[in-house]
Amino acid sequence: MNKTAFIFPGQGSQAVGMGKDFFDSFSAARQVFEEADDALGFSLSKMCFEGNSEDLQLTANTQPAILTASIAILRAMETEGIRKPEFVAGHSLGEYSALVAAGSLAFSDAVRIVRKRGEFMQEAVPVGVGAMAAILGLDLNSLEDVCNEASQGMICSAANINSPSQIVIAGDAEAVDRACEIAKARGAKRAIRLNVSAPFHCALMMPAQDRLEKLLEEFSFADLEVPIVENVSAETNSSGARAREALVNQVSNPVRWVESVEMMITSGVNTFVEIGPGKVLSGLVRQINREVKTFNFEVADGLREAVKSF
């Protein structure tokens, strides 16, 4: 039996024009952008389609933009009769898209939440104090030893466990730079500082986590129609209350993407459909397991035929 998981990208996927092709091609996608504009009180769609990359790189803008583009693509797929998946999952920010897809969180609520989430994260750490870096070719245990050695009383830890050969670290900029040098000395193929506006998924984000926890109390989370595989636990969940807690804990804890994908494969998933701008997650899934199928949609052309394939 063909089992499918819908996976939703996070902040690594961003570009001016995201979602424009679906906006032009599907009325259902157009309605999503219009709903986002109404919910936020400004034209997010204009920012996505006509704005500049500098504005979209600000996390308070990036987060609602990626969420909106992802749900616009999902709604377009639904008009073509795609069946519900066996699981949903999202990478960091993508967990909000996954909860909308699973019927737990209203889209208009989600877009307002992630706008504030981005503000909270940006304000948690002064610009330049924190950093993130991608470490390629070093296993998790070795990298944890590197982070411990590099920290020297500062924060430095695994933030995104993306694939067996790609792990992102986050923390104080000085400690992250030290970790990059130590990692290369220990055999890492590459250590690359990332162009991000804040050090996500580490203890420096605790101020943002505390503010988000209070904010989420104002919103309703229904029990899920499709189980989600959580970032923080790499376990399945169908409880709306637990989903809210997971979103809070996610802010300062690592994204356990490898374990999440492996858990879905163990449960019988053989097809992963990436819904949102970019194809980062499809690449990561293939690094984790080359036997499964992956699909991703960046443009509307071919959507109708592709949907028939899974």
Protein backbone atom coordinates (compact mmCIF):
# COMPACT_ATOMS: atom_id res chain seq x y z
CA MET A 1 0.00 0.00 0.00
CA ASN A 2 1.21 3.47 -0.90
CA LYS A 3 1.49 5.62 2.24
CA THR A 4 2.09 9.34 1.89
CA ALA A 5 3.39 12.09 4.15
CA PHE A 6 2.99 15.80 3.46
CA ILE A 7 6.07 17.72 4.57
CA PHE A 8 6.27 21.51 4.85
CA PRO A 9 9.46 23.59 4.62
CA GLY A 10 10.76 26.11 7.10
CA GLN A 11 12.80 29.23 6.86
CA GLY A 12 15.54 27.88 4.62
CA SER A 13 13.16 28.26 1.67
CA GLN A 14 12.63 31.83 0.60
CA ALA A 15 12.56 33.90 -2.58
CA VAL A 16 10.85 36.91 -4.02
CA GLY A 17 7.88 35.69 -6.03
CA MET A 18 7.11 32.67 -3.83
CA GLY A 19 3.64 31.34 -4.60
CA LYS A 20 3.01 33.72 -7.52
CA ASP A 21 2.49 30.98 -10.08
CA PHE A 22 -0.16 29.29 -7.93
CA PHE A 23 -1.76 32.67 -7.14
CA ASP A 24 -2.16 33.27 -10.88
CA SER A 25 -3.32 29.73 -11.71
CA PHE A 26 -5.67 28.71 -8.88
CA SER A 27 -8.45 30.74 -7.25
CA ALA A 28 -8.06 28.64 -4.08
CA ALA A 29 -4.42 29.77 -3.81
CA ARG A 30 -5.42 33.38 -4.46
CA GLN A 31 -7.92 33.21 -1.59
CA VAL A 32 -5.16 32.09 0.80
CA PHE A 33 -3.02 35.13 0.00
CA GLU A 34 -6.05 37.41 0.34
CA GLU A 35 -6.86 35.86 3.72
CA ALA A 36 -3.27 36.45 4.85
CA ASP A 37 -3.43 40.10 3.76
CA ASP A 38 -6.64 40.57 5.76
CA ALA A 39 -5.31 38.77 8.84
CA LEU A 40 -2.05 40.74 8.94
CA GLY A 41 -3.42 44.13 8.02
CA PHE A 42 -0.92 44.71 5.20
CA SER A 43 -0.30 43.26 1.74
CA LEU A 44 1.87 40.20 2.32
CA SER A 45 1.10 39.15 -1.24
CA LYS A 46 2.62 42.37 -2.61
CA MET A 47 5.70 41.82 -0.47
CA CYS A 48 6.05 38.24 -1.76
CA PHE A 49 5.49 39.11 -5.42
CA GLU A 50 6.97 42.59 -5.77
CA GLY A 51 9.12 43.10 -2.66
CA ASN A 52 12.86 42.88 -2.28
CA SER A 53 14.94 40.06 -0.83
CA GLU A 54 16.10 42.22 2.09
CA ASP A 55 12.54 42.62 3.39
CA LEU A 56 11.76 38.95 2.92
CA GLN A 57 14.91 37.92 4.79
CA LEU A 58 13.56 39.53 7.97
CA THR A 59 12.18 36.59 9.90
CA ALA A 60 8.97 38.44 10.88
CA ASN A 61 8.22 38.61 7.12
CA THR A 62 9.79 35.33 6.03
CA GLN A 63 7.72 33.21 8.38
CA PRO A 64 4.21 34.34 7.31
CA ALA A 65 5.33 34.44 3.67
CA ILE A 66 6.49 30.81 3.62
CA LEU A 67 3.45 29.66 5.59
CA THR A 68 1.10 31.44 3.17
CA ALA A 69 2.83 30.13 0.05
CA SER A 70 2.77 26.59 1.48
CA ILE A 71 -0.94 26.64 2.28
CA ALA A 72 -1.73 28.27 -1.08
CA ILE A 73 -0.04 25.34 -2.81
CA LEU A 74 -1.86 22.86 -0.55
CA ARG A 75 -5.25 24.41 -1.35
CA ALA A 76 -4.45 24.24 -5.06
CA MET A 77 -3.59 20.56 -4.67
CA GLU A 78 -6.85 19.96 -2.83
CA THR A 79 -8.83 21.37 -5.76
CA GLU A 80 -7.22 18.64 -7.87
CA GLY A 81 -8.57 15.96 -5.54
CA ILE A 82 -5.45 14.90 -3.68
CA ARG A 83 -6.27 12.45 -0.90
CA LYS A 84 -5.31 13.02 2.72
CA PRO A 85 -1.87 11.76 3.73
CA GLU A 86 -1.11 9.26 6.49
CA PHE A 87 1.12 11.81 8.27
CA VAL A 88 2.07 15.47 8.17
CA ALA A 89 5.32 17.02 9.36
CA GLY A 90 7.01 20.37 9.07
CA HIS A 91 10.56 21.57 9.51
CA SER A 92 10.56 24.25 12.25
CA LEU A 93 8.21 26.95 10.89
CA GLY A 94 6.75 24.26 8.62
CA GLU A 95 5.12 22.66 11.66
CA TYR A 96 2.56 25.48 11.60
CA SER A 97 1.73 24.70 7.96
CA ALA A 98 1.42 21.02 8.91
CA LEU A 99 -1.06 21.85 11.69
CA VAL A 100 -3.16 23.92 9.28
CA ALA A 101 -3.11 21.00 6.82
CA ALA A 102 -4.17 18.63 9.61
CA GLY A 103 -7.15 20.80 10.56
CA SER A 104 -5.79 21.72 14.01
CA LEU A 105 -5.08 25.41 13.45
CA ALA A 106 -7.01 27.94 11.39
CA PHE A 107 -4.85 29.48 8.67
CA SER A 108 -5.72 33.06 9.65
CA ASP A 109 -4.63 32.28 13.22
CA ALA A 110 -1.45 30.56 12.04
CA VAL A 111 -0.34 33.49 9.89
CA ARG A 112 -0.84 35.94 12.77
CA ILE A 113 1.04 33.66 15.16
CA VAL A 114 4.08 33.18 12.94
CA ARG A 115 4.30 36.91 12.27
CA LYS A 116 4.64 37.44 16.04
CA ARG A 117 6.87 34.37 16.36
CA GLY A 118 9.27 35.96 13.92
CA GLU A 119 9.26 39.21 15.90
CA PHE A 120 9.86 37.37 19.16
CA MET A 121 12.78 35.44 17.68
CA GLN A 122 14.34 38.53 16.13
CA GLU A 123 14.07 40.47 19.38
CA ALA A 124 15.41 37.65 21.57
CA VAL A 125 19.03 38.14 20.52
CA PRO A 126 20.67 41.37 19.30
CA VAL A 127 21.82 41.23 15.67
CA GLY A 128 25.37 39.89 15.48
CA VAL A 129 25.36 38.25 18.91
CA GLY A 130 24.12 34.88 17.69
CA ALA A 131 24.94 32.73 14.67
CA MET A 132 24.15 29.47 12.92
CA ALA A 133 26.38 27.24 10.81
CA ALA A 134 25.88 24.12 8.70
CA ILE A 135 28.36 21.33 9.44
CA LEU A 136 28.70 18.74 6.68
CA GLY A 137 30.24 15.31 7.07
CA LEU A 138 30.33 14.93 10.84
CA ASP A 139 28.00 12.65 12.82
CA LEU A 140 25.83 13.93 15.65
CA ASN A 141 27.84 12.44 18.52
CA SER A 142 31.08 13.90 17.20
CA LEU A 143 29.45 17.27 16.63
CA GLU A 144 28.02 17.35 20.14
CA ASP A 145 31.57 16.87 21.46
CA VAL A 146 32.69 19.74 19.22
CA CYS A 147 29.94 22.03 20.54
CA ASN A 148 30.79 21.20 24.14
CA GLU A 149 34.45 22.03 23.55
CA ALA A 150 33.62 25.24 21.65
CA SER A 151 31.06 26.61 24.11
CA GLN A 152 33.48 27.80 26.83
CA GLY A 153 30.57 29.01 28.93
CA MET A 154 28.59 30.23 25.91
CA ILE A 155 25.73 28.60 24.02
CA CYS A 156 26.60 26.25 21.16
CA SER A 157 24.43 23.25 20.27
CA ALA A 158 22.81 21.26 17.48
CA ALA A 159 19.80 23.13 16.10
CA ASN A 160 18.66 21.24 12.99
CA ILE A 161 19.52 17.55 12.66
CA ASN A 162 18.72 17.53 8.96
CA SER A 163 20.37 14.42 7.57
CA PRO A 164 23.10 11.96 8.54
CA SER A 165 25.65 14.26 6.88
CA GLN A 166 24.16 17.72 7.53
CA ILE A 167 23.62 19.23 10.97
CA VAL A 168 23.09 22.92 11.71
CA ILE A 169 24.44 24.37 14.95
CA ALA A 170 23.38 27.58 16.70
CA GLY A 171 24.43 29.75 19.60
CA ASP A 172 26.68 32.67 20.48
CA ALA A 173 28.56 33.81 17.37
CA GLU A 174 31.98 33.44 18.96
CA ALA A 175 31.25 29.88 20.10
CA VAL A 176 29.77 28.91 16.72
CA ASP A 177 32.88 30.19 14.95
CA ARG A 178 35.06 28.15 17.32
CA ALA A 179 32.93 25.08 16.64
CA CYS A 180 33.36 25.51 12.89
CA GLU A 181 37.14 25.50 13.22
CA ILE A 182 37.16 22.53 15.60
CA ALA A 183 34.72 20.61 13.36
CA LYS A 184 36.95 21.08 10.32
CA ALA A 185 39.95 19.91 12.34
CA ARG A 186 37.94 16.81 13.36
CA GLY A 187 37.19 15.86 9.76
CA ALA A 188 34.07 17.80 8.76
CA LYS A 189 33.92 18.31 4.99
CA ARG A 190 32.58 21.84 5.33
CA ALA A 191 31.51 24.30 8.03
CA ILE A 192 29.46 27.17 6.65
CA ARG A 193 28.13 30.21 8.54
CA LEU A 194 24.49 30.73 7.51
CA ASN A 195 22.96 34.05 6.53
CA VAL A 196 20.21 34.09 9.16
CA SER A 197 18.79 36.89 11.26
CA ALA A 198 18.80 34.99 14.58
CA PRO A 199 20.22 31.79 16.16
CA PHE A 200 17.14 29.57 16.01
CA HIS A 201 16.51 26.38 18.02
CA CYS A 202 18.97 26.94 20.83
CA ALA A 203 18.85 28.19 24.43
CA LEU A 204 19.34 31.80 23.31
CA MET A 205 15.74 31.64 22.09
CA MET A 206 14.24 31.16 25.57
CA PRO A 207 12.96 34.77 25.75
CA ALA A 208 11.10 34.17 22.46
CA GLN A 209 9.79 30.83 23.74
CA ASP A 210 8.35 32.44 26.88
CA ARG A 211 6.58 35.13 24.84
CA LEU A 212 5.25 32.60 22.33
CA GLU A 213 3.85 30.41 25.11
CA LYS A 214 1.73 33.32 26.35
CA LEU A 215 0.60 34.18 22.82
CA LEU A 216 -0.47 30.63 21.96
CA GLU A 217 -2.79 30.55 24.96
CA GLU A 218 -5.02 32.98 23.03
CA PHE A 219 -5.57 30.56 20.11
CA SER A 220 -7.60 27.40 19.67
CA PHE A 221 -5.93 24.12 18.64
CA ALA A 222 -8.32 21.36 17.60
CA ASP A 223 -7.37 17.70 17.68
CA LEU A 224 -5.70 16.73 14.42
CA GLU A 225 -7.48 15.00 11.52
CA VAL A 226 -4.11 13.56 10.42
CA PRO A 227 -1.32 12.77 12.91
CA ILE A 228 1.71 15.03 12.95
CA VAL A 229 5.29 13.94 13.60
CA GLU A 230 6.64 16.53 16.00
CA ASN A 231 10.01 18.27 15.66
CA VAL A 232 10.80 18.11 19.38
CA SER A 233 10.01 14.43 19.96
CA ALA A 234 10.04 12.80 16.49
CA GLU A 235 6.83 11.10 17.69
CA THR A 236 3.30 11.14 16.31
CA ASN A 237 0.61 13.26 17.91
CA SER A 238 -3.07 13.92 17.24
CA SER A 239 -3.84 16.07 20.30
CA GLY A 240 -4.37 19.80 19.77
CA ALA A 241 -3.27 20.59 23.31
CA ARG A 242 -0.03 18.65 22.88
CA ALA A 243 0.53 20.31 19.48
CA ARG A 244 0.44 23.70 21.19
CA GLU A 245 3.03 22.54 23.75
CA ALA A 246 5.27 21.17 21.01
CA LEU A 247 5.26 24.53 19.21
CA VAL A 248 6.40 26.21 22.41
CA ASN A 249 9.18 23.70 23.16
CA GLN A 250 10.31 23.71 19.54
CA VAL A 251 11.64 27.30 19.79
CA SER A 252 14.70 26.47 21.90
CA ASN A 253 15.13 22.79 21.04
CA PRO A 254 16.61 21.07 17.97
CA VAL A 255 14.57 19.99 14.97
CA ARG A 256 14.91 16.19 14.95
CA TRP A 257 14.30 15.83 11.23
CA VAL A 258 16.28 12.64 10.62
CA GLU A 259 14.40 10.78 13.35
CA SER A 260 11.08 12.20 12.14
CA VAL A 261 11.59 10.97 8.58
CA GLU A 262 12.88 7.60 9.74
CA MET A 263 9.87 7.21 12.03
CA MET A 264 7.48 7.82 9.11
CA ILE A 265 9.34 5.37 6.88
CA THR A 266 9.24 2.73 9.63
CA SER A 267 5.46 3.33 9.78
CA GLY A 268 5.17 2.49 6.08
CA VAL A 269 5.48 5.87 4.35
CA ASN A 270 7.07 5.48 0.93
CA THR A 271 6.12 8.83 -0.64
CA PHE A 272 6.99 12.29 0.69
CA VAL A 273 5.27 15.30 -0.85
CA GLU A 274 6.99 18.61 -0.10
CA ILE A 275 4.44 21.43 -0.14
CA GLY A 276 5.88 24.93 -0.19
CA PRO A 277 8.55 27.05 -1.84
CA GLY A 278 11.83 25.30 -2.63
CA LYS A 279 12.85 21.66 -2.50
CA VAL A 280 15.18 21.56 0.49
CA LEU A 281 13.24 18.88 2.36
CA SER A 282 13.04 16.60 -0.67
CA GLY A 283 16.82 16.65 -0.82
CA LEU A 284 17.13 15.90 2.88
CA VAL A 285 14.70 12.98 2.64
CA ARG A 286 16.77 11.49 -0.18
CA GLN A 287 19.91 11.83 1.95
CA ILE A 288 18.14 9.93 4.73
CA ASN A 289 16.67 7.18 2.52
CA ARG A 290 17.06 6.84 -1.24
CA GLU A 291 14.39 4.13 -1.55
CA VAL A 292 11.40 6.43 -0.99
CA LYS A 293 9.76 8.70 -3.56
CA THR A 294 9.74 12.48 -3.20
CA PHE A 295 7.65 15.12 -4.95
CA ASN A 296 7.82 18.89 -4.63
CA PHE A 297 5.87 21.69 -6.25
CA GLU A 298 7.36 25.11 -6.91
CA VAL A 299 5.28 25.94 -9.99
CA ALA A 300 1.69 25.17 -10.94
CA ASP A 301 2.53 23.64 -14.31
CA GLY A 302 2.17 19.89 -14.15
CA LEU A 303 0.39 19.85 -10.78
CA ARG A 304 -2.71 18.15 -12.15
CA GLU A 305 -0.73 15.26 -13.64
CA ALA A 306 1.62 14.95 -10.69
CA VAL A 307 -1.19 14.65 -8.15
CA LYS A 308 -2.29 11.46 -9.92
CA SER A 309 1.06 9.87 -9.08
CA PHE A 310 0.49 9.57 -5.35
